[in-house]
Structure formats: C-alpha cells, structure tokens
C-alpha atoms as a PDB file:
ATOM      1  CA  MET A   1     -25.369  10.641 -13.329  1.00  0.00           C
ATOM      2  CA  GLN A   2     -23.507  13.228 -11.249  1.00  0.00           C
ATOM      3  CA  SER A   3     -20.869  12.131  -8.801  1.00  0.00           C
ATOM      4  CA  ASN A   4     -20.323  13.704  -5.382  1.00  0.00           C
ATOM      5  CA  LEU A   5     -16.592  12.996  -5.636  1.00  0.00           C
ATOM      6  CA  GLY A   6     -14.264  15.938  -6.267  1.00  0.00           C
ATOM      7  CA  GLU A   7     -11.529  15.835  -8.903  1.00  0.00           C
ATOM      8  CA  PHE A   8      -8.968  14.192  -6.592  1.00  0.00           C
ATOM      9  CA  PRO A   9     -11.071  13.043  -3.680  1.00  0.00           C
ATOM     10  CA  ILE A  10      -9.948  11.767  -0.333  1.00  0.00           C
ATOM     11  CA  VAL A  11     -12.374   9.311   1.227  1.00  0.00           C
ATOM     12  CA  VAL A  12     -12.408   7.527   4.555  1.00  0.00           C
ATOM     13  CA  GLY A  13     -14.756   4.617   4.940  1.00  0.00           C
ATOM     14  CA  LYS A  14     -15.431   1.111   6.132  1.00  0.00           C
ATOM     15  CA  ALA A  15     -14.990  -1.863   3.770  1.00  0.00           C
ATOM     16  CA  ILE A  16     -18.431  -3.421   3.271  1.00  0.00           C
ATOM     17  CA  LYS A  17     -17.123  -6.796   2.080  1.00  0.00           C
ATOM     18  CA  GLU A  18     -13.917  -8.622   1.199  1.00  0.00           C
ATOM     19  CA  PRO A  19     -12.077  -7.105  -1.819  1.00  0.00           C
ATOM     20  CA  GLU A  20     -12.158  -8.797  -5.215  1.00  0.00           C
ATOM     21  CA  TYR A  21      -8.607  -9.435  -6.424  1.00  0.00           C
ATOM     22  CA  LYS A  22      -7.799 -10.732  -9.903  1.00  0.00           C
ATOM     23  CA  ARG A  23      -5.270 -10.526 -12.712  1.00  0.00           C
ATOM     24  CA  VAL A  24      -6.415  -9.191 -16.069  1.00  0.00           C
ATOM     25  CA  GLY A  25      -5.254  -8.666 -19.622  1.00  0.00           C
ATOM     26  CA  SER A  26      -2.366 -10.003 -21.637  1.00  0.00           C
ATOM     27  CA  LYS A  27       0.107  -8.600 -19.103  1.00  0.00           C
ATOM     28  CA  ASP A  28      -1.637 -10.370 -16.208  1.00  0.00           C
ATOM     29  CA  SER A  29      -1.985  -7.034 -14.354  1.00  0.00           C
ATOM     30  CA  PRO A  30      -3.215  -7.206 -10.751  1.00  0.00           C
ATOM     31  CA  VAL A  31      -6.406  -5.283  -9.924  1.00  0.00           C
ATOM     32  CA  CYS A  32      -8.390  -5.191  -6.713  1.00  0.00           C
ATOM     33  CA  SER A  33     -11.926  -3.803  -6.430  1.00  0.00           C
ATOM     34  CA  PHE A  34     -13.567  -2.883  -3.151  1.00  0.00           C
ATOM     35  CA  CYS A  35     -16.425  -0.771  -1.847  1.00  0.00           C
ATOM     36  CA  LEU A  36     -16.415   1.621   1.088  1.00  0.00           C
ATOM     37  CA  ASN A  37     -19.300   2.939   3.187  1.00  0.00           C
ATOM     38  CA  VAL A  38     -18.315   6.600   3.603  1.00  0.00           C
ATOM     39  CA  GLY A  39     -21.348   8.041   5.407  1.00  0.00           C
ATOM     40  CA  LYS A  40     -24.998   8.994   5.109  1.00  0.00           C
ATOM     41  CA  ARG A  41     -26.908  11.609   3.143  1.00  0.00           C
ATOM     42  CA  LYS A  42     -29.405  13.981   4.757  1.00  0.00           C
ATOM     43  CA  ASP A  43     -32.193  11.549   3.828  1.00  0.00           C
ATOM     44  CA  THR A  44     -30.224   8.831   5.740  1.00  0.00           C
ATOM     45  CA  THR A  45     -29.369   6.760   2.654  1.00  0.00           C
ATOM     46  CA  THR A  46     -25.862   5.308   2.801  1.00  0.00           C
ATOM     47  CA  ILE A  47     -23.108   6.699   0.576  1.00  0.00           C
ATOM     48  CA  PHE A  48     -20.931   4.012  -1.025  1.00  0.00           C
ATOM     49  CA  VAL A  49     -17.732   4.569  -3.028  1.00  0.00           C
ATOM     50  CA  ASN A  50     -16.508   1.866  -5.421  1.00  0.00           C
ATOM     51  CA  CYS A  51     -12.708   1.762  -5.538  1.00  0.00           C
ATOM     52  CA  LYS A  52     -10.275   0.126  -7.929  1.00  0.00           C
ATOM     53  CA  ALA A  53      -6.598  -0.431  -7.143  1.00  0.00           C
ATOM     54  CA  TRP A  54      -3.988  -1.482  -9.706  1.00  0.00           C
ATOM     55  CA  TYR A  55      -0.513  -3.033  -9.459  1.00  0.00           C
ATOM     56  CA  LYS A  56       1.242  -2.407  -6.095  1.00  0.00           C
ATOM     57  CA  TRP A  57      -1.951  -0.931  -4.650  1.00  0.00           C
ATOM     58  CA  ALA A  58      -3.913  -4.027  -5.700  1.00  0.00           C
ATOM     59  CA  GLU A  59      -1.389  -6.221  -3.903  1.00  0.00           C
ATOM     60  CA  TYR A  60      -1.779  -4.092  -0.784  1.00  0.00           C
ATOM     61  CA  ALA A  61      -5.590  -3.767  -0.967  1.00  0.00           C
ATOM     62  CA  LYS A  62      -6.140  -7.520  -1.208  1.00  0.00           C
ATOM     63  CA  SER A  63      -5.227  -7.827   2.497  1.00  0.00           C
ATOM     64  CA  MET A  64      -8.310  -5.750   3.364  1.00  0.00           C
ATOM     65  CA  GLU A  65     -11.084  -7.400   5.366  1.00  0.00           C
ATOM     66  CA  LYS A  66     -14.748  -6.558   5.740  1.00  0.00           C
ATOM     67  CA  GLY A  67     -15.096  -3.827   8.369  1.00  0.00           C
ATOM     68  CA  ASP A  68     -11.593  -2.372   7.956  1.00  0.00           C
ATOM     69  CA  ASP A  69     -11.372   1.426   8.079  1.00  0.00           C
ATOM     70  CA  VAL A  70      -9.639   2.596   4.906  1.00  0.00           C
ATOM     71  CA  ILE A  71      -8.313   5.944   3.656  1.00  0.00           C
ATOM     72  CA  VAL A  72      -8.087   6.406  -0.132  1.00  0.00           C
ATOM     73  CA  ILE A  73      -6.817   9.226  -2.332  1.00  0.00           C
ATOM     74  CA  GLY A  74      -7.488   8.799  -6.019  1.00  0.00           C
ATOM     75  CA  HIS A  75      -9.074  10.079  -9.186  1.00  0.00           C
ATOM     76  CA  LYS A  76     -12.489   9.486 -10.704  1.00  0.00           C
ATOM     77  CA  GLU A  77     -13.065   7.125 -13.588  1.00  0.00           C
ATOM     78  CA  GLU A  78     -16.460   6.635 -15.190  1.00  0.00           C
ATOM     79  CA  ARG A  79     -17.658   3.416 -16.788  1.00  0.00           C
ATOM     80  CA  GLU A  80     -20.830   2.251 -18.491  1.00  0.00           C
ATOM     81  CA  TYR A  81     -22.617  -0.933 -17.478  1.00  0.00           C
ATOM     82  CA  ASN A  82     -26.070  -2.024 -18.692  1.00  0.00           C
ATOM     83  CA  GLY A  83     -26.888   1.499 -19.863  1.00  0.00           C
ATOM     84  CA  LYS A  84     -25.916   3.177 -16.573  1.00  0.00           C
ATOM     85  CA  THR A  85     -22.867   5.292 -15.780  1.00  0.00           C
ATOM     86  CA  TYR A  86     -20.910   4.383 -12.655  1.00  0.00           C
ATOM     87  CA  THR A  87     -18.053   6.290 -11.040  1.00  0.00           C
ATOM     88  CA  ASP A  88     -15.075   4.464  -9.522  1.00  0.00           C
ATOM     89  CA  LEU A  89     -12.331   5.951  -7.394  1.00  0.00           C
ATOM     90  CA  VAL A  90      -9.011   4.750  -8.836  1.00  0.00           C
ATOM     91  CA  VAL A  91      -6.482   4.454  -6.004  1.00  0.00           C
ATOM     92  CA  GLU A  92      -3.392   6.635  -6.148  1.00  0.00           C
ATOM     93  CA  TRP A  93      -2.643   6.158  -2.442  1.00  0.00           C
ATOM     94  CA  MET A  94      -4.364   4.193   0.299  1.00  0.00           C
ATOM     95  CA  ASP A  95      -3.828   2.893   3.784  1.00  0.00           C
ATOM     96  CA  PHE A  96      -5.662   1.296   6.638  1.00  0.00           C
ATOM     97  CA  LYS A  97      -6.713   3.771   9.306  1.00  0.00           C
ATOM     98  CA  GLU A  98      -4.996   1.947  12.162  1.00  0.00           C
ATOM     99  CA  ASN A  99      -1.687   2.145  10.295  1.00  0.00           C
ATOM    100  CA  VAL A 100      -1.957   5.895   9.826  1.00  0.00           C
ATOM    101  CA  GLU A 101      -2.897   6.399  13.472  1.00  0.00           C
ATOM    102  CA  THR A 102       0.098   4.416  14.728  1.00  0.00           C
ATOM    103  CA  SER A 103       2.500   5.494  11.944  1.00  0.00           C
ATOM    104  CA  ALA A 104       3.459   1.856  11.464  1.00  0.00           C
ATOM    105  CA  GLU A 105       6.234   1.188   8.980  1.00  0.00           C
ATOM    106  CA  ILE A 106       5.248  -2.368   8.043  1.00  0.00           C
ATOM    107  CA  ALA A 107       2.009  -3.445   6.366  1.00  0.00           C
ATOM    108  CA  PRO A 108      -0.054  -6.333   7.787  1.00  0.00           C
ATOM    109  CA  SER A 109       1.474  -8.554   5.116  1.00  0.00           C
ATOM    110  CA  GLY A 110       4.903  -7.956   6.696  1.00  0.00           C
ATOM    111  CA  LYS A 111       6.070  -6.010   3.632  1.00  0.00           C
ATOM    112  CA  PRO A 112       6.874  -2.287   3.611  1.00  0.00           C
ATOM    113  CA  TYR A 113       4.049  -0.013   2.556  1.00  0.00           C
ATOM    114  CA  PRO A 114       4.112   1.296  -0.998  1.00  0.00           C
ATOM    115  CA  ALA A 115       4.152   4.770   0.618  1.00  0.00           C
ATOM    116  CA  THR A 116       4.429   5.892   4.224  1.00  0.00           C
ATOM    117  CA  VAL A 117       2.702   8.932   5.648  1.00  0.00           C
ATOM    118  CA  LYS A 118       3.164  10.291   9.148  1.00  0.00           C
ATOM    119  CA  PHE A 119       0.878  12.872  10.683  1.00  0.00           C
ATOM    120  CA  GLU A 120       1.818  15.418  13.314  1.00  0.00           C
ATOM    121  CA  GLU A 121      -0.356  17.565  15.561  1.00  0.00           C
ATOM    122  CA  ALA A 122      -0.813  21.157  14.382  1.00  0.00           C
ATOM    123  CA  PRO A 123       0.741  23.776  16.667  1.00  0.00           C
ATOM    124  CA  SER A 124      -1.755  24.825  19.347  1.00  0.00           C
ATOM    125  CA  ASP A 125      -0.843  28.506  18.986  1.00  0.00           C
ATOM    126  CA  GLY A 126      -2.376  28.580  15.485  1.00  0.00           C
ATOM    127  CA  ASP A 127       1.001  29.283  13.833  1.00  0.00           C
ATOM    128  CA  LEU A 128       0.965  26.883  10.888  1.00  0.00           C
ATOM    129  CA  PRO A 129       4.232  26.066   9.105  1.00  0.00           C
ATOM    130  CA  PHE A 130       2.936  27.175   5.693  1.00  0.00           C
END
C-alpha cells in the first residue's frame, strides 16, 4: 500500500474523534493516537491521517477534542495489522491551529507548550530574508 505522505510531512486537519491516550510497556510510556481529516481526493473520498504521539507530545495531544484543527509535523511509520499495511504519522511537533494563529504561549492545559512557533507575514515587496 502506497502512502501519500512525504518523508517528513506536514499535515493540517480536523480531529475526527477524541484521542486515545494510554500508557504502554514496562516503562509505562505515554502514547496518544488520533486521526485527522485532512481533505478530499479528486473522487471526493475523504483523506484521513492516523497520528501517534509519544511522551511529551502524548501529554499535549490528549487535550485534543473532536473537531479541533490540528497541525502536525512528523515522520512515517508503517505497521501490519490483519494482513494489511497501515501508515501512521509519528508526531515530532504539533499544535492546535488557534494557538498558532494567536501565538499563544500557554497550552489549554495551562502548561507551557513543548515547543513554541511564531509566524510572521512575508514582506510584501517579495524580498524574502533567505
């Protein structure tokens, strides 16, 4: 099964249900799984991306609610289940869209984000800084 995800994809989508948070393994590691609706194909079928967040990202992702707009940067990881191959996007960075738009410094949980990103408008004269 071929994946449409690039090597280090960036996806923006809407959470289709509440995330599944649990602790696994002998080290009781936190992991949070969630699925995003990221758009439609030409034939109008919906494109879904399964995401998996570990450790600090799992703790952050568990505050997600159905319908939240989410931005994720990660890497692909393939897994087999019942004879089929599935591709997950393993979170390396994520945030909720409203936080990026407002450049908020505090997560909804009241704790600082694991990483903070601020966006600036590009110069209107076309002179980019790189």
